[in-house]
Amino acid sequence: MSVFFHHFKHLESLARRWLATLRASRLYVPAVGVMALGATASMSIPVTTLLIIAVLVDTRRWLWSWLAASLGSAIGGVFLVMGFYHLGWAQIYALFPDFAESASWQRVTQWVLDYGVVALAWIAALPLPQTPALVLCGVSKLPLTSVFFAMLLGKLVKYGVVAWLAAHFPRKFAEFRNAPTA
């Protein structure tokens, strides 16, 4: 088992236990937001995974978990942009050596160059790597408020779909499975 996979499974398990502990607390939804912020800013675990865990731990609060994860991830994205702004290209290439060669990074970078924060909103809403877009936003010194709102809009769309599916799919699947056949 690779070190990354082991680390990911450990973080996933830790998140599940922490959320299960907070399930009855009023701190549950803020915890989802803080976890999303930390996951985005650290690039350690996909927020989609955290959101699915949060919704499955407490399905009744799927709407609030969706909103908290979207807000937390947008704020985490702004933190990343601020960090990339201060790093500069030399350190970014050292951290991400495949940056220049990766076709997906090149495509996402070109979209941000062509369309600015509008592209960032689309990228945040789609299952695309958002790091290259955030790198370019940071190095290009795009306004942080624009970055925040673009990220928030994209994450609301993406995580809204994910949260709704996580909250409703098990029940819908059971209904489908038990439906009479013609």
N, C-alpha and C. Protein backbone atom coordinates (compact mmCIF):
# COMPACT_ATOMS: atom_id res chain seq x y z
N MET A 1 0.85 -1.18 0.00
CA MET A 1 0.00 0.00 0.00
C MET A 1 0.90 1.25 0.00
N SER A 2 0.58 2.19 -0.85
CA SER A 2 1.42 3.39 -0.94
C SER A 2 1.25 4.26 0.30
N VAL A 3 2.24 5.10 0.53
CA VAL A 3 2.20 6.01 1.68
C VAL A 3 1.05 6.98 1.52
N PHE A 4 0.83 7.48 0.30
CA PHE A 4 -0.25 8.43 0.07
C PHE A 4 -1.60 7.81 0.39
N PHE A 5 -1.84 6.59 -0.10
CA PHE A 5 -3.11 5.93 0.15
C PHE A 5 -3.33 5.70 1.63
N HIS A 6 -2.30 5.29 2.33
CA HIS A 6 -2.40 5.08 3.78
C HIS A 6 -2.72 6.38 4.49
N HIS A 7 -2.05 7.46 4.11
CA HIS A 7 -2.29 8.79 4.69
C HIS A 7 -3.73 9.23 4.42
N PHE A 8 -4.19 9.04 3.19
CA PHE A 8 -5.55 9.42 2.81
C PHE A 8 -6.58 8.63 3.63
N LYS A 9 -6.40 7.33 3.75
CA LYS A 9 -7.34 6.51 4.52
C LYS A 9 -7.34 6.92 5.98
N HIS A 10 -6.18 7.28 6.51
CA HIS A 10 -6.10 7.73 7.90
C HIS A 10 -6.88 9.03 8.09
N LEU A 11 -6.70 9.98 7.19
CA LEU A 11 -7.43 11.25 7.29
C LEU A 11 -8.93 11.04 7.13
N GLU A 12 -9.31 10.17 6.23
CA GLU A 12 -10.72 9.85 6.02
C GLU A 12 -11.33 9.25 7.29
N SER A 13 -10.63 8.32 7.89
CA SER A 13 -11.09 7.68 9.13
C SER A 13 -11.17 8.69 10.27
N LEU A 14 -10.17 9.54 10.37
CA LEU A 14 -10.16 10.58 11.40
C LEU A 14 -11.34 11.54 11.23
N ALA A 15 -11.61 11.94 10.00
CA ALA A 15 -12.74 12.84 9.72
C ALA A 15 -14.06 12.17 10.10
N ARG A 16 -14.22 10.92 9.75
CA ARG A 16 -15.46 10.20 10.07
C ARG A 16 -15.67 10.10 11.58
N ARG A 17 -14.60 9.78 12.32
CA ARG A 17 -14.72 9.68 13.78
C ARG A 17 -15.02 11.04 14.42
N TRP A 18 -14.35 12.08 13.94
CA TRP A 18 -14.55 13.41 14.50
C TRP A 18 -15.98 13.88 14.24
N LEU A 19 -16.46 13.68 13.02
CA LEU A 19 -17.83 14.10 12.71
C LEU A 19 -18.86 13.26 13.46
N ALA A 20 -18.61 11.98 13.63
CA ALA A 20 -19.53 11.14 14.39
C ALA A 20 -19.60 11.60 15.84
N THR A 21 -18.46 12.03 16.39
CA THR A 21 -18.42 12.55 17.76
C THR A 21 -19.22 13.85 17.88
N LEU A 22 -19.16 14.68 16.86
CA LEU A 22 -19.83 15.98 16.89
C LEU A 22 -21.27 15.95 16.36
N ARG A 23 -21.72 14.81 15.95
CA ARG A 23 -23.02 14.67 15.29
C ARG A 23 -24.17 15.32 16.05
N ALA A 24 -24.23 15.18 17.35
CA ALA A 24 -25.32 15.73 18.15
C ALA A 24 -25.07 17.18 18.57
N SER A 25 -23.93 17.71 18.20
CA SER A 25 -23.53 19.04 18.65
C SER A 25 -23.91 20.12 17.64
N ARG A 26 -24.05 21.34 18.14
CA ARG A 26 -24.25 22.48 17.25
C ARG A 26 -22.98 22.83 16.51
N LEU A 27 -21.88 22.24 16.90
CA LEU A 27 -20.59 22.48 16.24
C LEU A 27 -20.40 21.63 15.00
N TYR A 28 -21.35 20.75 14.71
CA TYR A 28 -21.21 19.83 13.57
C TYR A 28 -21.02 20.58 12.25
N VAL A 29 -21.92 21.47 11.93
CA VAL A 29 -21.86 22.18 10.65
C VAL A 29 -20.62 23.07 10.57
N PRO A 30 -20.30 23.86 11.62
CA PRO A 30 -19.05 24.62 11.54
C PRO A 30 -17.83 23.72 11.38
N ALA A 31 -17.86 22.54 11.99
CA ALA A 31 -16.74 21.60 11.85
C ALA A 31 -16.58 21.16 10.40
N VAL A 32 -17.70 20.94 9.72
CA VAL A 32 -17.64 20.57 8.30
C VAL A 32 -16.96 21.69 7.51
N GLY A 33 -17.33 22.93 7.80
CA GLY A 33 -16.72 24.07 7.12
C GLY A 33 -15.24 24.21 7.40
N VAL A 34 -14.85 24.03 8.65
CA VAL A 34 -13.43 24.13 9.03
C VAL A 34 -12.63 23.00 8.37
N MET A 35 -13.20 21.82 8.34
CA MET A 35 -12.52 20.70 7.70
C MET A 35 -12.35 20.95 6.21
N ALA A 36 -13.37 21.50 5.57
CA ALA A 36 -13.29 21.81 4.13
C ALA A 36 -12.22 22.88 3.88
N LEU A 37 -12.17 23.88 4.74
CA LEU A 37 -11.15 24.92 4.62
C LEU A 37 -9.76 24.30 4.73
N GLY A 38 -9.57 23.49 5.76
CA GLY A 38 -8.26 22.86 5.96
C GLY A 38 -7.88 21.91 4.84
N ALA A 39 -8.85 21.15 4.36
CA ALA A 39 -8.57 20.20 3.28
C ALA A 39 -8.19 20.93 1.99
N THR A 40 -8.87 22.03 1.71
CA THR A 40 -8.55 22.80 0.50
C THR A 40 -7.21 23.49 0.64
N ALA A 41 -6.99 24.16 1.75
CA ALA A 41 -5.75 24.92 1.94
C ALA A 41 -4.53 24.01 2.00
N SER A 42 -4.69 22.81 2.53
CA SER A 42 -3.55 21.89 2.65
C SER A 42 -3.44 20.94 1.47
N MET A 43 -4.46 20.88 0.65
CA MET A 43 -4.52 19.95 -0.49
C MET A 43 -4.26 18.51 -0.04
N SER A 44 -4.80 18.15 1.15
CA SER A 44 -4.50 16.84 1.73
C SER A 44 -5.55 15.78 1.45
N ILE A 45 -6.80 16.16 1.33
CA ILE A 45 -7.88 15.22 1.10
C ILE A 45 -8.96 15.96 0.31
N PRO A 46 -9.57 15.30 -0.65
CA PRO A 46 -10.61 15.99 -1.44
C PRO A 46 -11.80 16.38 -0.56
N VAL A 47 -12.25 17.60 -0.72
CA VAL A 47 -13.40 18.08 0.05
C VAL A 47 -14.64 17.26 -0.31
N THR A 48 -14.71 16.78 -1.52
CA THR A 48 -15.85 15.94 -1.93
C THR A 48 -15.95 14.72 -1.01
N THR A 49 -14.83 14.12 -0.70
CA THR A 49 -14.82 12.97 0.21
C THR A 49 -15.32 13.37 1.59
N LEU A 50 -14.82 14.50 2.10
CA LEU A 50 -15.28 14.98 3.42
C LEU A 50 -16.77 15.27 3.42
N LEU A 51 -17.25 15.88 2.35
CA LEU A 51 -18.67 16.22 2.28
C LEU A 51 -19.54 14.96 2.26
N ILE A 52 -19.14 13.97 1.50
CA ILE A 52 -19.91 12.72 1.47
C ILE A 52 -19.94 12.10 2.86
N ILE A 53 -18.80 12.07 3.53
CA ILE A 53 -18.75 11.54 4.90
C ILE A 53 -19.69 12.34 5.80
N ALA A 54 -19.61 13.67 5.72
CA ALA A 54 -20.45 14.53 6.57
C ALA A 54 -21.93 14.29 6.33
N VAL A 55 -22.31 14.16 5.08
CA VAL A 55 -23.72 13.94 4.76
C VAL A 55 -24.17 12.55 5.22
N LEU A 56 -23.34 11.56 5.05
CA LEU A 56 -23.73 10.21 5.48
C LEU A 56 -23.75 10.07 7.00
N VAL A 57 -22.90 10.81 7.70
CA VAL A 57 -22.92 10.77 9.17
C VAL A 57 -24.20 11.41 9.70
N ASP A 58 -24.63 12.51 9.09
CA ASP A 58 -25.86 13.18 9.51
C ASP A 58 -26.62 13.67 8.28
N THR A 59 -27.43 12.79 7.74
CA THR A 59 -28.18 13.08 6.51
C THR A 59 -29.15 14.23 6.69
N ARG A 60 -29.67 14.41 7.90
CA ARG A 60 -30.65 15.49 8.13
C ARG A 60 -30.04 16.87 7.87
N ARG A 61 -28.76 17.00 8.04
CA ARG A 61 -28.11 18.31 7.88
C ARG A 61 -27.32 18.40 6.56
N TRP A 62 -27.76 17.66 5.54
CA TRP A 62 -27.02 17.65 4.29
C TRP A 62 -26.96 19.04 3.67
N LEU A 63 -28.03 19.80 3.76
CA LEU A 63 -28.06 21.14 3.17
C LEU A 63 -27.05 22.07 3.85
N TRP A 64 -27.02 22.03 5.19
CA TRP A 64 -26.09 22.86 5.94
C TRP A 64 -24.65 22.41 5.72
N SER A 65 -24.45 21.11 5.63
CA SER A 65 -23.10 20.58 5.36
C SER A 65 -22.62 21.04 3.99
N TRP A 66 -23.51 21.03 3.01
CA TRP A 66 -23.18 21.50 1.66
C TRP A 66 -22.73 22.97 1.69
N LEU A 67 -23.52 23.80 2.38
CA LEU A 67 -23.19 25.22 2.44
C LEU A 67 -21.88 25.46 3.19
N ALA A 68 -21.69 24.75 4.30
CA ALA A 68 -20.47 24.93 5.10
C ALA A 68 -19.24 24.46 4.33
N ALA A 69 -19.35 23.33 3.64
CA ALA A 69 -18.22 22.83 2.85
C ALA A 69 -17.89 23.79 1.70
N SER A 70 -18.90 24.34 1.07
CA SER A 70 -18.67 25.29 -0.03
C SER A 70 -17.97 26.55 0.47
N LEU A 71 -18.45 27.08 1.57
CA LEU A 71 -17.85 28.29 2.14
C LEU A 71 -16.42 28.01 2.61
N GLY A 72 -16.23 26.92 3.33
CA GLY A 72 -14.90 26.57 3.82
C GLY A 72 -13.91 26.34 2.69
N SER A 73 -14.35 25.66 1.64
CA SER A 73 -13.47 25.40 0.52
C SER A 73 -13.13 26.68 -0.24
N ALA A 74 -14.09 27.59 -0.37
CA ALA A 74 -13.82 28.88 -1.03
C ALA A 74 -12.79 29.69 -0.24
N ILE A 75 -12.93 29.70 1.07
CA ILE A 75 -11.96 30.42 1.91
C ILE A 75 -10.59 29.74 1.83
N GLY A 76 -10.57 28.41 1.85
CA GLY A 76 -9.31 27.68 1.70
C GLY A 76 -8.65 27.98 0.36
N GLY A 77 -9.45 28.12 -0.69
CA GLY A 77 -8.92 28.48 -2.00
C GLY A 77 -8.26 29.84 -2.00
N VAL A 78 -8.86 30.79 -1.28
CA VAL A 78 -8.27 32.12 -1.16
C VAL A 78 -6.94 32.04 -0.42
N PHE A 79 -6.86 31.23 0.63
CA PHE A 79 -5.59 31.05 1.34
C PHE A 79 -4.52 30.49 0.40
N LEU A 80 -4.90 29.52 -0.44
CA LEU A 80 -3.94 28.98 -1.40
C LEU A 80 -3.47 30.06 -2.38
N VAL A 81 -4.40 30.85 -2.88
CA VAL A 81 -4.04 31.92 -3.81
C VAL A 81 -3.06 32.89 -3.15
N MET A 82 -3.33 33.24 -1.90
CA MET A 82 -2.41 34.14 -1.18
C MET A 82 -1.03 33.49 -1.03
N GLY A 83 -1.00 32.21 -0.74
CA GLY A 83 0.28 31.51 -0.63
C GLY A 83 1.02 31.47 -1.95
N PHE A 84 0.31 31.17 -3.04
CA PHE A 84 0.95 31.13 -4.35
C PHE A 84 1.44 32.52 -4.77
N TYR A 85 0.73 33.54 -4.37
CA TYR A 85 1.14 34.91 -4.67
C TYR A 85 2.52 35.19 -4.06
N HIS A 86 2.70 34.71 -2.84
CA HIS A 86 3.97 34.98 -2.14
C HIS A 86 5.10 34.03 -2.56
N LEU A 87 4.75 32.88 -3.12
CA LEU A 87 5.79 31.94 -3.54
C LEU A 87 6.49 32.39 -4.82
N GLY A 88 5.74 32.71 -5.83
CA GLY A 88 6.32 33.05 -7.12
C GLY A 88 6.58 31.80 -7.96
N TRP A 89 6.92 32.02 -9.24
CA TRP A 89 7.04 30.92 -10.19
C TRP A 89 8.14 29.92 -9.83
N ALA A 90 9.28 30.39 -9.39
CA ALA A 90 10.40 29.47 -9.12
C ALA A 90 10.02 28.43 -8.07
N GLN A 91 9.45 28.87 -6.97
CA GLN A 91 9.06 27.94 -5.91
C GLN A 91 7.88 27.07 -6.35
N ILE A 92 6.99 27.61 -7.15
CA ILE A 92 5.83 26.83 -7.63
C ILE A 92 6.32 25.70 -8.52
N TYR A 93 7.25 25.98 -9.43
CA TYR A 93 7.81 24.92 -10.27
C TYR A 93 8.56 23.88 -9.45
N ALA A 94 9.19 24.31 -8.38
CA ALA A 94 9.89 23.36 -7.50
C ALA A 94 8.89 22.46 -6.77
N LEU A 95 7.74 23.03 -6.35
CA LEU A 95 6.71 22.25 -5.66
C LEU A 95 5.93 21.36 -6.61
N PHE A 96 5.69 21.85 -7.82
CA PHE A 96 4.89 21.12 -8.81
C PHE A 96 5.70 20.95 -10.10
N PRO A 97 6.66 20.02 -10.09
CA PRO A 97 7.54 19.89 -11.26
C PRO A 97 6.82 19.50 -12.55
N ASP A 98 5.67 18.83 -12.43
CA ASP A 98 4.94 18.42 -13.64
C ASP A 98 4.01 19.51 -14.15
N PHE A 99 4.07 20.67 -13.55
CA PHE A 99 3.19 21.79 -13.91
C PHE A 99 3.25 22.10 -15.40
N ALA A 100 4.44 22.24 -15.94
CA ALA A 100 4.58 22.65 -17.33
C ALA A 100 4.23 21.54 -18.32
N GLU A 101 4.41 20.28 -17.93
CA GLU A 101 4.18 19.17 -18.86
C GLU A 101 2.75 18.64 -18.86
N SER A 102 2.02 18.83 -17.81
CA SER A 102 0.69 18.24 -17.67
C SER A 102 -0.32 18.91 -18.61
N ALA A 103 -0.99 18.10 -19.40
CA ALA A 103 -1.98 18.64 -20.35
C ALA A 103 -3.15 19.28 -19.62
N SER A 104 -3.60 18.65 -18.53
CA SER A 104 -4.74 19.22 -17.80
C SER A 104 -4.35 20.55 -17.15
N TRP A 105 -3.15 20.63 -16.61
CA TRP A 105 -2.68 21.89 -16.01
C TRP A 105 -2.59 22.97 -17.08
N GLN A 106 -2.08 22.61 -18.26
CA GLN A 106 -1.96 23.59 -19.34
C GLN A 106 -3.32 24.08 -19.80
N ARG A 107 -4.28 23.16 -19.92
CA ARG A 107 -5.63 23.52 -20.35
C ARG A 107 -6.29 24.45 -19.33
N VAL A 108 -6.22 24.09 -18.06
CA VAL A 108 -6.83 24.90 -17.01
C VAL A 108 -6.15 26.27 -16.94
N THR A 109 -4.84 26.29 -17.06
CA THR A 109 -4.11 27.56 -17.05
C THR A 109 -4.55 28.45 -18.21
N GLN A 110 -4.71 27.86 -19.39
CA GLN A 110 -5.13 28.64 -20.55
C GLN A 110 -6.54 29.21 -20.34
N TRP A 111 -7.43 28.43 -19.74
CA TRP A 111 -8.78 28.93 -19.48
C TRP A 111 -8.74 30.14 -18.56
N VAL A 112 -7.91 30.06 -17.51
CA VAL A 112 -7.82 31.19 -16.57
C VAL A 112 -7.21 32.40 -17.27
N LEU A 113 -6.21 32.17 -18.11
CA LEU A 113 -5.62 33.29 -18.86
C LEU A 113 -6.65 33.94 -19.78
N ASP A 114 -7.47 33.11 -20.41
CA ASP A 114 -8.46 33.63 -21.38
C ASP A 114 -9.67 34.25 -20.71
N TYR A 115 -10.17 33.63 -19.62
CA TYR A 115 -11.45 34.04 -19.06
C TYR A 115 -11.41 34.52 -17.61
N GLY A 116 -10.24 34.49 -16.98
CA GLY A 116 -10.10 35.01 -15.63
C GLY A 116 -10.90 34.24 -14.59
N VAL A 117 -11.52 34.97 -13.68
CA VAL A 117 -12.23 34.32 -12.57
C VAL A 117 -13.48 33.59 -13.02
N VAL A 118 -14.02 33.92 -14.18
CA VAL A 118 -15.16 33.16 -14.71
C VAL A 118 -14.72 31.71 -14.95
N ALA A 119 -13.53 31.54 -15.50
CA ALA A 119 -13.00 30.18 -15.68
C ALA A 119 -12.78 29.50 -14.35
N LEU A 120 -12.34 30.25 -13.35
CA LEU A 120 -12.14 29.67 -12.02
C LEU A 120 -13.46 29.13 -11.46
N ALA A 121 -14.55 29.85 -11.66
CA ALA A 121 -15.86 29.37 -11.19
C ALA A 121 -16.22 28.06 -11.88
N TRP A 122 -15.99 27.97 -13.18
CA TRP A 122 -16.27 26.74 -13.92
C TRP A 122 -15.39 25.59 -13.44
N ILE A 123 -14.11 25.89 -13.27
CA ILE A 123 -13.17 24.87 -12.82
C ILE A 123 -13.55 24.36 -11.43
N ALA A 124 -13.95 25.27 -10.56
CA ALA A 124 -14.36 24.88 -9.20
C ALA A 124 -15.61 24.02 -9.21
N ALA A 125 -16.46 24.19 -10.23
CA ALA A 125 -17.70 23.43 -10.32
C ALA A 125 -17.51 22.07 -10.98
N LEU A 126 -16.45 21.91 -11.71
CA LEU A 126 -16.22 20.67 -12.46
C LEU A 126 -15.17 19.80 -11.77
N PRO A 127 -15.14 18.52 -12.10
CA PRO A 127 -14.10 17.65 -11.52
C PRO A 127 -12.78 17.81 -12.25
N LEU A 128 -12.23 19.01 -12.17
CA LEU A 128 -10.95 19.34 -12.78
C LEU A 128 -9.97 19.75 -11.69
N PRO A 129 -8.67 19.62 -11.95
CA PRO A 129 -7.71 20.10 -10.95
C PRO A 129 -7.78 21.62 -10.85
N GLN A 130 -8.06 22.10 -9.65
CA GLN A 130 -8.18 23.55 -9.48
C GLN A 130 -6.86 24.20 -9.08
N THR A 131 -5.89 23.42 -8.66
CA THR A 131 -4.61 24.00 -8.23
C THR A 131 -3.96 24.86 -9.29
N PRO A 132 -3.89 24.42 -10.57
CA PRO A 132 -3.25 25.30 -11.55
C PRO A 132 -3.97 26.64 -11.70
N ALA A 133 -5.29 26.61 -11.61
CA ALA A 133 -6.05 27.85 -11.71
C ALA A 133 -5.75 28.76 -10.52
N LEU A 134 -5.64 28.17 -9.34
CA LEU A 134 -5.34 28.96 -8.15
C LEU A 134 -3.91 29.50 -8.19
N VAL A 135 -2.99 28.69 -8.73
CA VAL A 135 -1.61 29.16 -8.89
C VAL A 135 -1.61 30.39 -9.79
N LEU A 136 -2.28 30.30 -10.92
CA LEU A 136 -2.30 31.41 -11.86
C LEU A 136 -3.00 32.63 -11.29
N CYS A 137 -4.08 32.42 -10.54
CA CYS A 137 -4.76 33.54 -9.88
C CYS A 137 -3.83 34.23 -8.89
N GLY A 138 -3.05 33.45 -8.18
CA GLY A 138 -2.12 34.03 -7.21
C GLY A 138 -0.99 34.79 -7.86
N VAL A 139 -0.37 34.18 -8.85
CA VAL A 139 0.76 34.81 -9.52
C VAL A 139 0.28 36.02 -10.34
N SER A 140 -0.94 35.94 -10.87
CA SER A 140 -1.50 37.06 -11.66
C SER A 140 -2.07 38.17 -10.80
N LYS A 141 -2.08 37.94 -9.49
CA LYS A 141 -2.57 38.93 -8.54
C LYS A 141 -4.02 39.34 -8.79
N LEU A 142 -4.86 38.33 -9.10
CA LEU A 142 -6.28 38.62 -9.26
C LEU A 142 -6.86 39.03 -7.91
N PRO A 143 -7.87 39.88 -7.90
CA PRO A 143 -8.47 40.33 -6.63
C PRO A 143 -9.01 39.14 -5.82
N LEU A 144 -8.66 39.11 -4.55
CA LEU A 144 -9.07 37.99 -3.69
C LEU A 144 -10.58 37.89 -3.55
N THR A 145 -11.27 39.01 -3.56
CA THR A 145 -12.74 38.94 -3.46
C THR A 145 -13.32 38.26 -4.70
N SER A 146 -12.76 38.56 -5.86
CA SER A 146 -13.23 37.91 -7.09
C SER A 146 -12.95 36.41 -7.05
N VAL A 147 -11.76 36.05 -6.58
CA VAL A 147 -11.39 34.65 -6.45
C VAL A 147 -12.35 33.95 -5.48
N PHE A 148 -12.61 34.59 -4.34
CA PHE A 148 -13.51 34.00 -3.35
C PHE A 148 -14.90 33.74 -3.93
N PHE A 149 -15.48 34.74 -4.58
CA PHE A 149 -16.83 34.56 -5.10
C PHE A 149 -16.89 33.56 -6.26
N ALA A 150 -15.85 33.53 -7.08
CA ALA A 150 -15.81 32.54 -8.16
C ALA A 150 -15.71 31.13 -7.57
N MET A 151 -14.85 30.96 -6.57
CA MET A 151 -14.72 29.66 -5.92
C MET A 151 -16.02 29.27 -5.23
N LEU A 152 -16.63 30.22 -4.53
CA LEU A 152 -17.87 29.93 -3.82
C LEU A 152 -18.96 29.50 -4.79
N LEU A 153 -19.12 30.22 -5.87
CA LEU A 153 -20.14 29.86 -6.86
C LEU A 153 -19.91 28.46 -7.42
N GLY A 154 -18.68 28.19 -7.83
CA GLY A 154 -18.37 26.88 -8.37
C GLY A 154 -18.56 25.77 -7.36
N LYS A 155 -18.12 26.00 -6.13
CA LYS A 155 -18.25 24.97 -5.09
C LYS A 155 -19.71 24.76 -4.69
N LEU A 156 -20.51 25.80 -4.69
CA LEU A 156 -21.94 25.63 -4.40
C LEU A 156 -22.58 24.69 -5.42
N VAL A 157 -22.22 24.85 -6.67
CA VAL A 157 -22.77 23.98 -7.71
C VAL A 157 -22.27 22.55 -7.53
N LYS A 158 -20.97 22.40 -7.47
CA LYS A 158 -20.36 21.06 -7.38
C LYS A 158 -20.79 20.32 -6.11
N TYR A 159 -20.61 20.97 -4.98
CA TYR A 159 -20.93 20.30 -3.72
C TYR A 159 -22.42 20.16 -3.49
N GLY A 160 -23.22 21.01 -4.13
CA GLY A 160 -24.67 20.86 -4.05
C GLY A 160 -25.11 19.54 -4.68
N VAL A 161 -24.56 19.24 -5.82
CA VAL A 161 -24.87 17.97 -6.50
C VAL A 161 -24.38 16.80 -5.66
N VAL A 162 -23.15 16.89 -5.17
CA VAL A 162 -22.56 15.80 -4.38
C VAL A 162 -23.37 15.57 -3.10
N ALA A 163 -23.70 16.65 -2.38
CA ALA A 163 -24.43 16.51 -1.12
C ALA A 163 -25.82 15.94 -1.35
N TRP A 164 -26.50 16.43 -2.39
CA TRP A 164 -27.84 15.92 -2.67
C TRP A 164 -27.79 14.44 -3.00
N LEU A 165 -26.84 14.05 -3.84
CA LEU A 165 -26.71 12.63 -4.18
C LEU A 165 -26.40 11.78 -2.96
N ALA A 166 -25.48 12.25 -2.11
CA ALA A 166 -25.13 11.49 -0.91
C ALA A 166 -26.31 11.36 0.03
N ALA A 167 -27.14 12.41 0.11
CA ALA A 167 -28.28 12.38 1.02
C ALA A 167 -29.45 11.57 0.46
N HIS A 168 -29.61 11.54 -0.84
CA HIS A 168 -30.80 10.93 -1.43
C HIS A 168 -30.56 9.62 -2.16
N PHE A 169 -29.35 9.38 -2.59
CA PHE A 169 -29.11 8.19 -3.39
C PHE A 169 -29.41 6.88 -2.66
N PRO A 170 -28.97 6.70 -1.42
CA PRO A 170 -29.27 5.40 -0.78
C PRO A 170 -30.77 5.11 -0.73
N ARG A 171 -31.56 6.12 -0.42
CA ARG A 171 -33.00 5.93 -0.35
C ARG A 171 -33.58 5.70 -1.75
N LYS A 172 -33.13 6.49 -2.72
CA LYS A 172 -33.62 6.34 -4.08
C LYS A 172 -33.23 4.97 -4.65
N PHE A 173 -32.02 4.52 -4.31
CA PHE A 173 -31.59 3.21 -4.78
C PHE A 173 -32.46 2.11 -4.18
N ALA A 174 -32.78 2.23 -2.90
CA ALA A 174 -33.64 1.24 -2.26
C ALA A 174 -35.02 1.25 -2.89
N GLU A 175 -35.54 2.44 -3.20
CA GLU A 175 -36.85 2.53 -3.86
C GLU A 175 -36.81 1.87 -5.23
N PHE A 176 -35.72 2.13 -5.97
CA PHE A 176 -35.56 1.54 -7.30
C PHE A 176 -35.46 0.03 -7.21
N ARG A 177 -34.67 -0.47 -6.27
CA ARG A 177 -34.45 -1.89 -6.10
C ARG A 177 -35.73 -2.62 -5.73
N ASN A 178 -36.60 -1.96 -4.92
CA ASN A 178 -37.84 -2.59 -4.46
C ASN A 178 -39.04 -2.31 -5.35
N ALA A 179 -38.82 -1.57 -6.44
CA ALA A 179 -39.94 -1.24 -7.34
C ALA A 179 -40.41 -2.50 -8.05
N PRO A 180 -41.72 -2.62 -8.23
CA PRO A 180 -42.22 -3.80 -8.94
C PRO A 180 -41.82 -3.73 -10.42
N THR A 181 -41.53 -4.87 -10.98
CA THR A 181 -41.16 -4.93 -12.39
C THR A 181 -42.40 -5.25 -13.21
N ALA A 182 -42.43 -4.72 -14.41
CA ALA A 182 -43.60 -4.92 -15.27
C ALA A 182 -43.47 -6.14 -16.11
